[in-house]
Amino acid sequence: MKITSLLRGARTPQNPLKVPFQPILPIHLRDKVSGKGEKTADVSCLQEMALLFSCLAENEFKESFCPKEVESFQSCYKTNLAKRFQKKQEEAQGGIGRNVGSISSATVNRLLRRFPSL
């Protein structure tokens, strides 16, 4: 096997003990994280909005014929606002929330400022 690989011109693997590790940059964590990963296209109440628009299109955009759809959309919107408000209050208090995997970037930055890496 080794002879045939040498005949074909294949290289043997490099011995990692012969190559020392030389860091180019200092090895430490940065003092802040970006919030790019948190920005999601959160579309809430999309189903209710679609039902409302279809009802309005059928009735020539008169709201008086679609009271049930308007009410369901408004209630969905109010519950969504309440959830956002509660999440902002939890982050303002410094809590990491119910799920440890859902720590916001602002909370992580606050903790990194409080406990910097040396």
PDB file of N, CA and C in Angstrom:
ATOM      1  N   MET A   1       0.830  -1.195   0.000  1.00  0.00           N
ATOM      2  CA  MET A   1       0.000   0.000   0.000  1.00  0.00           C
ATOM      3  C   MET A   1       0.868   1.250   0.000  1.00  0.00           C
ATOM      4  N   LYS A   2       1.886   1.260   0.856  1.00  0.00           N
ATOM      5  CA  LYS A   2       2.735   2.433   0.956  1.00  0.00           C
ATOM      6  C   LYS A   2       3.576   2.607  -0.317  1.00  0.00           C
ATOM      7  N   ILE A   3       4.001   1.501  -0.892  1.00  0.00           N
ATOM      8  CA  ILE A   3       4.820   1.579  -2.103  1.00  0.00           C
ATOM      9  C   ILE A   3       3.989   2.126  -3.258  1.00  0.00           C
ATOM     10  N   THR A   4       2.750   1.676  -3.358  1.00  0.00           N
ATOM     11  CA  THR A   4       1.909   2.174  -4.450  1.00  0.00           C
ATOM     12  C   THR A   4       1.575   3.645  -4.267  1.00  0.00           C
ATOM     13  N   SER A   5       1.405   4.067  -3.021  1.00  0.00           N
ATOM     14  CA  SER A   5       1.121   5.485  -2.801  1.00  0.00           C
ATOM     15  C   SER A   5       2.342   6.337  -3.120  1.00  0.00           C
ATOM     16  N   LEU A   6       3.540   5.822  -2.863  1.00  0.00           N
ATOM     17  CA  LEU A   6       4.744   6.568  -3.201  1.00  0.00           C
ATOM     18  C   LEU A   6       4.933   6.647  -4.709  1.00  0.00           C
ATOM     19  N   LEU A   7       4.544   5.600  -5.388  1.00  0.00           N
ATOM     20  CA  LEU A   7       4.688   5.596  -6.838  1.00  0.00           C
ATOM     21  C   LEU A   7       3.703   6.582  -7.482  1.00  0.00           C
ATOM     22  N   ARG A   8       2.551   6.758  -6.906  1.00  0.00           N
ATOM     23  CA  ARG A   8       1.567   7.683  -7.467  1.00  0.00           C
ATOM     24  C   ARG A   8       1.868   9.132  -7.104  1.00  0.00           C
ATOM     25  N   GLY A   9       2.780   9.399  -6.231  1.00  0.00           N
ATOM     26  CA  GLY A   9       3.141  10.758  -5.869  1.00  0.00           C
ATOM     27  C   GLY A   9       2.364  11.310  -4.697  1.00  0.00           C
ATOM     28  N   ALA A  10       1.713  10.467  -3.904  1.00  0.00           N
ATOM     29  CA  ALA A  10       0.951  10.936  -2.748  1.00  0.00           C
ATOM     30  C   ALA A  10       1.901  11.277  -1.614  1.00  0.00           C
ATOM     31  N   ARG A  11       1.523  12.273  -0.842  1.00  0.00           N
ATOM     32  CA  ARG A  11       2.352  12.676   0.285  1.00  0.00           C
ATOM     33  C   ARG A  11       1.957  11.907   1.531  1.00  0.00           C
ATOM     34  N   THR A  12       2.924  11.687   2.377  1.00  0.00           N
ATOM     35  CA  THR A  12       2.621  11.075   3.666  1.00  0.00           C
ATOM     36  C   THR A  12       2.162  12.178   4.615  1.00  0.00           C
ATOM     37  N   PRO A  13       1.340  11.874   5.593  1.00  0.00           N
ATOM     38  CA  PRO A  13       0.874  12.910   6.521  1.00  0.00           C
ATOM     39  C   PRO A  13       2.022  13.500   7.324  1.00  0.00           C
ATOM     40  N   GLN A  14       1.908  14.783   7.623  1.00  0.00           N
ATOM     41  CA  GLN A  14       2.948  15.479   8.363  1.00  0.00           C
ATOM     42  C   GLN A  14       2.851  15.125   9.836  1.00  0.00           C
ATOM     43  N   ASN A  15       3.984  14.964  10.470  1.00  0.00           N
ATOM     44  CA  ASN A  15       4.040  14.635  11.888  1.00  0.00           C
ATOM     45  C   ASN A  15       3.739  15.908  12.683  1.00  0.00           C
ATOM     46  N   PRO A  16       2.655  15.941  13.482  1.00  0.00           N
ATOM     47  CA  PRO A  16       2.306  17.165  14.212  1.00  0.00           C
ATOM     48  C   PRO A  16       3.308  17.503  15.317  1.00  0.00           C
ATOM     49  N   LEU A  17       4.126  16.543  15.753  1.00  0.00           N
ATOM     50  CA  LEU A  17       5.105  16.828  16.798  1.00  0.00           C
ATOM     51  C   LEU A  17       6.296  17.617  16.257  1.00  0.00           C
ATOM     52  N   LYS A  18       6.548  17.536  14.965  1.00  0.00           N
ATOM     53  CA  LYS A  18       7.677  18.247  14.381  1.00  0.00           C
ATOM     54  C   LYS A  18       7.340  19.706  14.051  1.00  0.00           C
ATOM     55  N   VAL A  19       6.040  20.044  13.990  1.00  0.00           N
ATOM     56  CA  VAL A  19       5.627  21.395  13.643  1.00  0.00           C
ATOM     57  C   VAL A  19       5.119  22.088  14.905  1.00  0.00           C
ATOM     58  N   PRO A  20       5.868  23.061  15.437  1.00  0.00           N
ATOM     59  CA  PRO A  20       5.404  23.740  16.653  1.00  0.00           C
ATOM     60  C   PRO A  20       4.289  24.734  16.331  1.00  0.00           C
ATOM     61  N   PHE A  21       3.415  24.928  17.313  1.00  0.00           N
ATOM     62  CA  PHE A  21       2.321  25.885  17.154  1.00  0.00           C
ATOM     63  C   PHE A  21       2.839  27.279  17.452  1.00  0.00           C
ATOM     64  N   GLN A  22       2.660  28.192  16.497  1.00  0.00           N
ATOM     65  CA  GLN A  22       3.069  29.572  16.689  1.00  0.00           C
ATOM     66  C   GLN A  22       1.844  30.469  16.480  1.00  0.00           C
ATOM     67  N   PRO A  23       1.283  30.994  17.557  1.00  0.00           N
ATOM     68  CA  PRO A  23       0.097  31.850  17.395  1.00  0.00           C
ATOM     69  C   PRO A  23       0.468  33.170  16.719  1.00  0.00           C
ATOM     70  N   ILE A  24      -0.348  33.588  15.770  1.00  0.00           N
ATOM     71  CA  ILE A  24      -0.115  34.847  15.074  1.00  0.00           C
ATOM     72  C   ILE A  24      -0.660  36.004  15.898  1.00  0.00           C
ATOM     73  N   LEU A  25      -1.860  35.822  16.438  1.00  0.00           N
ATOM     74  CA  LEU A  25      -2.487  36.821  17.291  1.00  0.00           C
ATOM     75  C   LEU A  25      -2.550  36.299  18.714  1.00  0.00           C
ATOM     76  N   PRO A  26      -2.664  37.174  19.714  1.00  0.00           N
ATOM     77  CA  PRO A  26      -2.799  36.680  21.082  1.00  0.00           C
ATOM     78  C   PRO A  26      -4.101  35.893  21.252  1.00  0.00           C
ATOM     79  N   ILE A  27      -4.011  34.826  22.008  1.00  0.00           N
ATOM     80  CA  ILE A  27      -5.152  33.934  22.174  1.00  0.00           C
ATOM     81  C   ILE A  27      -5.938  34.347  23.411  1.00  0.00           C
ATOM     82  N   HIS A  28      -7.015  35.080  23.201  1.00  0.00           N
ATOM     83  CA  HIS A  28      -7.936  35.446  24.274  1.00  0.00           C
ATOM     84  C   HIS A  28      -9.260  35.849  23.651  1.00  0.00           C
ATOM     85  N   LEU A  29     -10.285  35.908  24.474  1.00  0.00           N
ATOM     86  CA  LEU A  29     -11.603  36.269  24.002  1.00  0.00           C
ATOM     87  C   LEU A  29     -11.714  37.775  23.812  1.00  0.00           C
ATOM     88  N   ARG A  30     -12.573  38.189  22.904  1.00  0.00           N
ATOM     89  CA  ARG A  30     -12.835  39.617  22.747  1.00  0.00           C
ATOM     90  C   ARG A  30     -13.697  40.096  23.907  1.00  0.00           C
ATOM     91  N   ASP A  31     -13.748  41.404  24.086  1.00  0.00           N
ATOM     92  CA  ASP A  31     -14.476  41.939  25.227  1.00  0.00           C
ATOM     93  C   ASP A  31     -15.926  42.275  24.903  1.00  0.00           C
ATOM     94  N   LYS A  32     -16.413  41.919  23.721  1.00  0.00           N
ATOM     95  CA  LYS A  32     -17.826  42.101  23.401  1.00  0.00           C
ATOM     96  C   LYS A  32     -18.216  41.150  22.275  1.00  0.00           C
ATOM     97  N   VAL A  33     -19.519  40.931  22.142  1.00  0.00           N
ATOM     98  CA  VAL A  33     -20.054  40.093  21.071  1.00  0.00           C
ATOM     99  C   VAL A  33     -21.008  40.939  20.235  1.00  0.00           C
ATOM    100  N   SER A  34     -21.175  40.527  18.993  1.00  0.00           N
ATOM    101  CA  SER A  34     -22.092  41.274  18.126  1.00  0.00           C
ATOM    102  C   SER A  34     -23.501  40.722  18.290  1.00  0.00           C
ATOM    103  N   GLY A  35     -24.467  41.513  17.970  1.00  0.00           N
ATOM    104  CA  GLY A  35     -25.859  41.089  18.093  1.00  0.00           C
ATOM    105  C   GLY A  35     -26.462  40.676  16.771  1.00  0.00           C
ATOM    106  N   LYS A  36     -25.628  40.315  15.793  1.00  0.00           N
ATOM    107  CA  LYS A  36     -26.134  39.996  14.464  1.00  0.00           C
ATOM    108  C   LYS A  36     -26.991  38.732  14.456  1.00  0.00           C
ATOM    109  N   GLY A  37     -26.639  37.761  15.271  1.00  0.00           N
ATOM    110  CA  GLY A  37     -27.358  36.498  15.266  1.00  0.00           C
ATOM    111  C   GLY A  37     -28.750  36.587  15.849  1.00  0.00           C
ATOM    112  N   GLU A  38     -29.009  37.613  16.638  1.00  0.00           N
ATOM    113  CA  GLU A  38     -30.319  37.747  17.275  1.00  0.00           C
ATOM    114  C   GLU A  38     -31.372  38.311  16.346  1.00  0.00           C
ATOM    115  N   LYS A  39     -30.946  39.005  15.317  1.00  0.00           N
ATOM    116  CA  LYS A  39     -31.898  39.661  14.437  1.00  0.00           C
ATOM    117  C   LYS A  39     -32.518  38.626  13.505  1.00  0.00           C
ATOM    118  N   THR A  40     -33.712  38.223  13.846  1.00  0.00           N
ATOM    119  CA  THR A  40     -34.423  37.250  13.031  1.00  0.00           C
ATOM    120  C   THR A  40     -35.631  37.913  12.399  1.00  0.00           C
ATOM    121  N   ALA A  41     -36.070  37.327  11.335  1.00  0.00           N
ATOM    122  CA  ALA A  41     -37.269  37.840  10.668  1.00  0.00           C
ATOM    123  C   ALA A  41     -38.484  37.258  11.380  1.00  0.00           C
ATOM    124  N   ASP A  42     -38.770  37.795  12.545  1.00  0.00           N
ATOM    125  CA  ASP A  42     -39.876  37.295  13.352  1.00  0.00           C
ATOM    126  C   ASP A  42     -41.183  37.860  12.807  1.00  0.00           C
ATOM    127  N   VAL A  43     -41.945  37.027  12.157  1.00  0.00           N
ATOM    128  CA  VAL A  43     -43.237  37.448  11.626  1.00  0.00           C
ATOM    129  C   VAL A  43     -44.309  36.861  12.537  1.00  0.00           C
ATOM    130  N   SER A  44     -44.852  37.703  13.370  1.00  0.00           N
ATOM    131  CA  SER A  44     -45.890  37.250  14.275  1.00  0.00           C
ATOM    132  C   SER A  44     -47.246  37.624  13.703  1.00  0.00           C
ATOM    133  N   CYS A  45     -48.230  36.841  14.009  1.00  0.00           N
ATOM    134  CA  CYS A  45     -49.619  37.068  13.596  1.00  0.00           C
ATOM    135  C   CYS A  45     -49.777  37.026  12.069  1.00  0.00           C
ATOM    136  N   LEU A  46     -48.940  36.294  11.401  1.00  0.00           N
ATOM    137  CA  LEU A  46     -49.019  36.229   9.940  1.00  0.00           C
ATOM    138  C   LEU A  46     -50.295  35.517   9.488  1.00  0.00           C
ATOM    139  N   GLN A  47     -50.665  34.459  10.178  1.00  0.00           N
ATOM    140  CA  GLN A  47     -51.879  33.712   9.818  1.00  0.00           C
ATOM    141  C   GLN A  47     -53.121  34.581   9.989  1.00  0.00           C
ATOM    142  N   GLU A  48     -53.182  35.289  11.112  1.00  0.00           N
ATOM    143  CA  GLU A  48     -54.339  36.149  11.370  1.00  0.00           C
ATOM    144  C   GLU A  48     -54.425  37.288  10.361  1.00  0.00           C
ATOM    145  N   MET A  49     -53.263  37.822   9.982  1.00  0.00           N
ATOM    146  CA  MET A  49     -53.244  38.903   9.007  1.00  0.00           C
ATOM    147  C   MET A  49     -53.697  38.422   7.630  1.00  0.00           C
ATOM    148  N   ALA A  50     -53.284  37.212   7.260  1.00  0.00           N
ATOM    149  CA  ALA A  50     -53.701  36.658   5.970  1.00  0.00           C
ATOM    150  C   ALA A  50     -55.212  36.430   5.940  1.00  0.00           C
ATOM    151  N   LEU A  51     -55.761  35.909   7.047  1.00  0.00           N
ATOM    152  CA  LEU A  51     -57.208  35.710   7.116  1.00  0.00           C
ATOM    153  C   LEU A  51     -57.962  37.038   7.052  1.00  0.00           C
ATOM    154  N   LEU A  52     -57.424  38.047   7.721  1.00  0.00           N
ATOM    155  CA  LEU A  52     -58.057  39.360   7.703  1.00  0.00           C
ATOM    156  C   LEU A  52     -58.048  39.954   6.293  1.00  0.00           C
ATOM    157  N   PHE A  53     -56.920  39.881   5.612  1.00  0.00           N
ATOM    158  CA  PHE A  53     -56.840  40.439   4.262  1.00  0.00           C
ATOM    159  C   PHE A  53     -57.720  39.687   3.268  1.00  0.00           C
ATOM    160  N   SER A  54     -57.802  38.370   3.425  1.00  0.00           N
ATOM    161  CA  SER A  54     -58.671  37.622   2.507  1.00  0.00           C
ATOM    162  C   SER A  54     -60.137  37.981   2.742  1.00  0.00           C
ATOM    163  N   CYS A  55     -60.534  38.159   4.001  1.00  0.00           N
ATOM    164  CA  CYS A  55     -61.910  38.556   4.300  1.00  0.00           C
ATOM    165  C   CYS A  55     -62.190  39.962   3.783  1.00  0.00           C
ATOM    166  N   LEU A  56     -61.231  40.865   3.962  1.00  0.00           N
ATOM    167  CA  LEU A  56     -61.421  42.227   3.469  1.00  0.00           C
ATOM    168  C   LEU A  56     -61.488  42.278   1.942  1.00  0.00           C
ATOM    169  N   ALA A  57     -60.689  41.445   1.281  1.00  0.00           N
ATOM    170  CA  ALA A  57     -60.712  41.428  -0.184  1.00  0.00           C
ATOM    171  C   ALA A  57     -62.041  40.898  -0.710  1.00  0.00           C
ATOM    172  N   GLU A  58     -62.607  39.932  -0.001  1.00  0.00           N
ATOM    173  CA  GLU A  58     -63.900  39.379  -0.424  1.00  0.00           C
ATOM    174  C   GLU A  58     -65.033  40.393  -0.236  1.00  0.00           C
ATOM    175  N   ASN A  59     -64.893  41.257   0.787  1.00  0.00           N
ATOM    176  CA  ASN A  59     -65.970  42.189   1.128  1.00  0.00           C
ATOM    177  C   ASN A  59     -65.647  43.633   0.747  1.00  0.00           C
ATOM    178  N   GLU A  60     -64.838  43.820  -0.254  1.00  0.00           N
ATOM    179  CA  GLU A  60     -64.504  45.142  -0.788  1.00  0.00           C
ATOM    180  C   GLU A  60     -63.927  46.071   0.286  1.00  0.00           C
ATOM    181  N   PHE A  61     -63.079  45.532   1.161  1.00  0.00           N
ATOM    182  CA  PHE A  61     -62.343  46.256   2.185  1.00  0.00           C
ATOM    183  C   PHE A  61     -63.242  47.045   3.128  1.00  0.00           C
ATOM    184  N   LYS A  62     -64.329  46.424   3.540  1.00  0.00           N
ATOM    185  CA  LYS A  62     -65.212  47.013   4.549  1.00  0.00           C
ATOM    186  C   LYS A  62     -65.037  46.211   5.840  1.00  0.00           C
ATOM    187  N   GLU A  63     -64.560  46.869   6.871  1.00  0.00           N
ATOM    188  CA  GLU A  63     -64.261  46.183   8.131  1.00  0.00           C
ATOM    189  C   GLU A  63     -65.511  45.699   8.851  1.00  0.00           C
ATOM    190  N   SER A  64     -66.637  46.260   8.559  1.00  0.00           N
ATOM    191  CA  SER A  64     -67.860  45.889   9.275  1.00  0.00           C
ATOM    192  C   SER A  64     -68.286  44.452   8.961  1.00  0.00           C
ATOM    193  N   PHE A  65     -67.821  43.892   7.845  1.00  0.00           N
ATOM    194  CA  PHE A  65     -68.186  42.516   7.486  1.00  0.00           C
ATOM    195  C   PHE A  65     -67.213  41.481   8.050  1.00  0.00           C
ATOM    196  N   CYS A  66     -66.110  41.912   8.662  1.00  0.00           N
ATOM    197  CA  CYS A  66     -65.088  40.981   9.171  1.00  0.00           C
ATOM    198  C   CYS A  66     -64.737  41.272  10.641  1.00  0.00           C
ATOM    199  N   PRO A  67     -65.702  41.300  11.536  1.00  0.00           N
ATOM    200  CA  PRO A  67     -65.358  41.642  12.925  1.00  0.00           C
ATOM    201  C   PRO A  67     -64.572  40.536  13.635  1.00  0.00           C
ATOM    202  N   LYS A  68     -64.850  39.288  13.284  1.00  0.00           N
ATOM    203  CA  LYS A  68     -64.150  38.177  13.952  1.00  0.00           C
ATOM    204  C   LYS A  68     -62.663  38.174  13.587  1.00  0.00           C
ATOM    205  N   GLU A  69     -62.340  38.403  12.320  1.00  0.00           N
ATOM    206  CA  GLU A  69     -60.953  38.407  11.868  1.00  0.00           C
ATOM    207  C   GLU A  69     -60.185  39.604  12.440  1.00  0.00           C
ATOM    208  N   VAL A  70     -60.859  40.756  12.498  1.00  0.00           N
ATOM    209  CA  VAL A  70     -60.213  41.954  13.055  1.00  0.00           C
ATOM    210  C   VAL A  70     -59.901  41.724  14.524  1.00  0.00           C
ATOM    211  N   GLU A  71     -60.840  41.135  15.255  1.00  0.00           N
ATOM    212  CA  GLU A  71     -60.641  40.883  16.679  1.00  0.00           C
ATOM    213  C   GLU A  71     -59.511  39.880  16.919  1.00  0.00           C
ATOM    214  N   SER A  72     -59.452  38.817  16.112  1.00  0.00           N
ATOM    215  CA  SER A  72     -58.390  37.827  16.296  1.00  0.00           C
ATOM    216  C   SER A  72     -57.022  38.430  15.982  1.00  0.00           C
ATOM    217  N   PHE A  73     -56.937  39.288  14.972  1.00  0.00           N
ATOM    218  CA  PHE A  73     -55.662  39.935  14.643  1.00  0.00           C
ATOM    219  C   PHE A  73     -55.237  40.892  15.755  1.00  0.00           C
ATOM    220  N   GLN A  74     -56.170  41.670  16.285  1.00  0.00           N
ATOM    221  CA  GLN A  74     -55.836  42.611  17.352  1.00  0.00           C
ATOM    222  C   GLN A  74     -55.421  41.888  18.633  1.00  0.00           C
ATOM    223  N   SER A  75     -56.090  40.792  18.952  1.00  0.00           N
ATOM    224  CA  SER A  75     -55.708  40.056  20.161  1.00  0.00           C
ATOM    225  C   SER A  75     -54.334  39.415  19.998  1.00  0.00           C
ATOM    226  N   CYS A  76     -54.036  38.918  18.809  1.00  0.00           N
ATOM    227  CA  CYS A  76     -52.711  38.346  18.556  1.00  0.00           C
ATOM    228  C   CYS A  76     -51.634  39.415  18.676  1.00  0.00           C
ATOM    229  N   TYR A  77     -51.903  40.582  18.146  1.00  0.00           N
ATOM    230  CA  TYR A  77     -50.942  41.680  18.205  1.00  0.00           C
ATOM    231  C   TYR A  77     -50.703  42.115  19.652  1.00  0.00           C
ATOM    232  N   LYS A  78     -51.758  42.178  20.450  1.00  0.00           N
ATOM    233  CA  LYS A  78     -51.615  42.593  21.845  1.00  0.00           C
ATOM    234  C   LYS A  78     -50.811  41.569  22.642  1.00  0.00           C
ATOM    235  N   THR A  79     -51.061  40.289  22.419  1.00  0.00           N
ATOM    236  CA  THR A  79     -50.282  39.270  23.129  1.00  0.00           C
ATOM    237  C   THR A  79     -48.821  39.297  22.708  1.00  0.00           C
ATOM    238  N   ASN A  80     -48.569  39.568  21.433  1.00  0.00           N
ATOM    239  CA  ASN A  80     -47.191  39.658  20.958  1.00  0.00           C
ATOM    240  C   ASN A  80     -46.472  40.848  21.588  1.00  0.00           C
ATOM    241  N   LEU A  81     -47.152  41.987  21.694  1.00  0.00           N
ATOM    242  CA  LEU A  81     -46.558  43.152  22.355  1.00  0.00           C
ATOM    243  C   LEU A  81     -46.261  42.867  23.825  1.00  0.00           C
ATOM    244  N   ALA A  82     -47.167  42.155  24.490  1.00  0.00           N
ATOM    245  CA  ALA A  82     -46.958  41.819  25.898  1.00  0.00           C
ATOM    246  C   ALA A  82     -45.746  40.901  26.069  1.00  0.00           C
ATOM    247  N   LYS A  83     -45.570  39.945  25.159  1.00  0.00           N
ATOM    248  CA  LYS A  83     -44.415  39.046  25.237  1.00  0.00           C
ATOM    249  C   LYS A  83     -43.110  39.811  25.026  1.00  0.00           C
ATOM    250  N   ARG A  84     -43.103  40.719  24.060  1.00  0.00           N
ATOM    251  CA  ARG A  84     -41.894  41.518  23.810  1.00  0.00           C
ATOM    252  C   ARG A  84     -41.565  42.399  25.009  1.00  0.00           C
ATOM    253  N   PHE A  85     -42.586  43.006  25.584  1.00  0.00           N
ATOM    254  CA  PHE A  85     -42.376  43.867  26.747  1.00  0.00           C
ATOM    255  C   PHE A  85     -41.821  43.071  27.917  1.00  0.00           C
ATOM    256  N   GLN A  86     -42.343  41.875  28.137  1.00  0.00           N
ATOM    257  CA  GLN A  86     -41.872  41.029  29.229  1.00  0.00           C
ATOM    258  C   GLN A  86     -40.421  40.607  28.987  1.00  0.00           C
ATOM    259  N   LYS A  87     -40.078  40.287  27.744  1.00  0.00           N
ATOM    260  CA  LYS A  87     -38.706  39.886  27.424  1.00  0.00           C
ATOM    261  C   LYS A  87     -37.738  41.038  27.641  1.00  0.00           C
ATOM    262  N   LYS A  88     -38.138  42.259  27.265  1.00  0.00           N
ATOM    263  CA  LYS A  88     -37.281  43.422  27.480  1.00  0.00           C
ATOM    264  C   LYS A  88     -37.087  43.701  28.967  1.00  0.00           C
ATOM    265  N   GLN A  89     -38.136  43.513  29.750  1.00  0.00           N
ATOM    266  CA  GLN A  89     -38.006  43.742  31.183  1.00  0.00           C
ATOM    267  C   GLN A  89     -37.085  42.716  31.829  1.00  0.00           C
ATOM    268  N   GLU A  90     -37.170  41.456  31.388  1.00  0.00           N
ATOM    269  CA  GLU A  90     -36.273  40.435  31.932  1.00  0.00           C
ATOM    270  C   GLU A  90     -34.822  40.755  31.596  1.00  0.00           C
ATOM    271  N   GLU A  91     -34.573  41.237  30.371  1.00  0.00           N
ATOM    272  CA  GLU A  91     -33.208  41.592  29.985  1.00  0.00           C
ATOM    273  C   GLU A  91     -32.720  42.816  30.742  1.00  0.00           C
ATOM    274  N   ALA A  92     -33.614  43.769  31.011  1.00  0.00           N
ATOM    275  CA  ALA A  92     -33.229  44.978  31.742  1.00  0.00           C
ATOM    276  C   ALA A  92     -32.880  44.657  33.186  1.00  0.00           C
ATOM    277  N   GLN A  93     -33.526  43.655  33.768  1.00  0.00           N
ATOM    278  CA  GLN A  93     -33.232  43.266  35.140  1.00  0.00           C
ATOM    279  C   GLN A  93     -31.932  42.478  35.237  1.00  0.00           C
ATOM    280  N   GLY A  94     -31.386  42.082  34.100  1.00  0.00           N
ATOM    281  CA  GLY A  94     -30.123  41.354  34.114  1.00  0.00           C
ATOM    282  C   GLY A  94     -30.292  39.856  34.158  1.00  0.00           C
ATOM    283  N   GLY A  95     -31.499  39.388  34.139  1.00  0.00           N
ATOM    284  CA  GLY A  95     -31.732  37.956  34.152  1.00  0.00           C
ATOM    285  C   GLY A  95     -31.431  37.353  32.798  1.00  0.00           C
ATOM    286  N   ILE A  96     -31.042  36.110  32.809  1.00  0.00           N
ATOM    287  CA  ILE A  96     -30.728  35.471  31.544  1.00  0.00           C
ATOM    288  C   ILE A  96     -31.926  34.733  30.981  1.00  0.00           C
ATOM    289  N   GLY A  97     -33.034  34.842  31.635  1.00  0.00           N
ATOM    290  CA  GLY A  97     -34.254  34.246  31.105  1.00  0.00           C
ATOM    291  C   GLY A  97     -34.456  32.818  31.540  1.00  0.00           C
ATOM    292  N   ARG A  98     -35.476  32.226  31.003  1.00  0.00           N
ATOM    293  CA  ARG A  98     -35.795  30.840  31.356  1.00  0.00           C
ATOM    294  C   ARG A  98     -34.844  29.866  30.695  1.00  0.00           C
ATOM    295  N   ASN A  99     -34.409  30.184  29.497  1.00  0.00           N
ATOM    296  CA  ASN A  99     -33.563  29.285  28.727  1.00  0.00           C
ATOM    297  C   ASN A  99     -32.149  29.856  28.691  1.00  0.00           C
ATOM    298  N   VAL A 100     -31.178  29.094  29.171  1.00  0.00           N
ATOM    299  CA  VAL A 100     -29.804  29.577  29.229  1.00  0.00           C
ATOM    300  C   VAL A 100     -29.260  29.798  27.823  1.00  0.00           C
ATOM    301  N   GLY A 101     -29.722  29.064  26.841  1.00  0.00           N
ATOM    302  CA  GLY A 101     -29.251  29.222  25.475  1.00  0.00           C
ATOM    303  C   GLY A 101     -29.761  30.465  24.798  1.00  0.00           C
ATOM    304  N   SER A 102     -30.638  31.199  25.445  1.00  0.00           N
ATOM    305  CA  SER A 102     -31.219  32.388  24.817  1.00  0.00           C
ATOM    306  C   SER A 102     -30.743  33.676  25.480  1.00  0.00           C
ATOM    307  N   ILE A 103     -29.467  33.742  25.829  1.00  0.00           N
ATOM    308  CA  ILE A 103     -28.933  34.955  26.437  1.00  0.00           C
ATOM    309  C   ILE A 103     -28.746  35.988  25.336  1.00  0.00           C
ATOM    310  N   SER A 104     -29.201  37.192  25.578  1.00  0.00           N
ATOM    311  CA  SER A 104     -29.084  38.243  24.571  1.00  0.00           C
ATOM    312  C   SER A 104     -27.651  38.762  24.525  1.00  0.00           C
ATOM    313  N   SER A 105     -27.316  39.406  23.406  1.00  0.00           N
ATOM    314  CA  SER A 105     -25.959  39.929  23.265  1.00  0.00           C
ATOM    315  C   SER A 105     -25.703  41.072  24.244  1.00  0.00           C
ATOM    316  N   ALA A 106     -26.733  41.846  24.558  1.00  0.00           N
ATOM    317  CA  ALA A 106     -26.565  42.928  25.534  1.00  0.00           C
ATOM    318  C   ALA A 106     -26.220  42.376  26.916  1.00  0.00           C
ATOM    319  N   THR A 107     -26.847  41.261  27.306  1.00  0.00           N
ATOM    320  CA  THR A 107     -26.553  40.638  28.596  1.00  0.00           C
ATOM    321  C   THR A 107     -25.145  40.068  28.605  1.00  0.00           C
ATOM    322  N   VAL A 108     -24.730  39.445  27.499  1.00  0.00           N
ATOM    323  CA  VAL A 108     -23.381  38.885  27.408  1.00  0.00           C
ATOM    324  C   VAL A 108     -22.350  40.001  27.475  1.00  0.00           C
ATOM    325  N   ASN A 109     -22.601  41.115  26.782  1.00  0.00           N
ATOM    326  CA  ASN A 109     -21.671  42.236  26.826  1.00  0.00           C
ATOM    327  C   ASN A 109     -21.582  42.829  28.227  1.00  0.00           C
ATOM    328  N   ARG A 110     -22.708  42.902  28.918  1.00  0.00           N
ATOM    329  CA  ARG A 110     -22.709  43.412  30.289  1.00  0.00           C
ATOM    330  C   ARG A 110     -21.887  42.495  31.195  1.00  0.00           C
ATOM    331  N   LEU A 111     -22.028  41.181  31.026  1.00  0.00           N
ATOM    332  CA  LEU A 111     -21.264  40.239  31.840  1.00  0.00           C
ATOM    333  C   LEU A 111     -19.772  40.281  31.499  1.00  0.00           C
ATOM    334  N   LEU A 112     -19.446  40.471  30.221  1.00  0.00           N
ATOM    335  CA  LEU A 112     -18.034  40.557  29.839  1.00  0.00           C
ATOM    336  C   LEU A 112     -17.391  41.845  30.352  1.00  0.00           C
ATOM    337  N   ARG A 113     -18.138  42.930  30.434  1.00  0.00           N
ATOM    338  CA  ARG A 113     -17.608  44.149  31.026  1.00  0.00           C
ATOM    339  C   ARG A 113     -17.411  43.973  32.528  1.00  0.00           C
ATOM    340  N   ARG A 114     -18.299  43.229  33.129  1.00  0.00           N
ATOM    341  CA  ARG A 114     -18.206  43.028  34.583  1.00  0.00           C
ATOM    342  C   ARG A 114     -17.085  42.077  34.963  1.00  0.00           C
ATOM    343  N   PHE A 115     -16.880  41.037  34.132  1.00  0.00           N
ATOM    344  CA  PHE A 115     -15.833  40.041  34.385  1.00  0.00           C
ATOM    345  C   PHE A 115     -14.935  39.942  33.158  1.00  0.00           C
ATOM    346  N   PRO A 116     -14.010  40.869  32.951  1.00  0.00           N
ATOM    347  CA  PRO A 116     -13.185  40.854  31.737  1.00  0.00           C
ATOM    348  C   PRO A 116     -12.171  39.705  31.774  1.00  0.00           C
ATOM    349  N   SER A 117     -11.807  39.236  30.583  1.00  0.00           N
ATOM    350  CA  SER A 117     -10.765  38.203  30.492  1.00  0.00           C
ATOM    351  C   SER A 117      -9.407  38.888  30.435  1.00  0.00           C
ATOM    352  N   LEU A 118      -8.468  38.335  31.117  1.00  0.00           N
ATOM    353  CA  LEU A 118      -7.154  38.992  31.197  1.00  0.00           C
ATOM    354  C   LEU A 118      -6.252  38.514  30.137  1.00  0.00           C
TER     355      LEU A 118
END
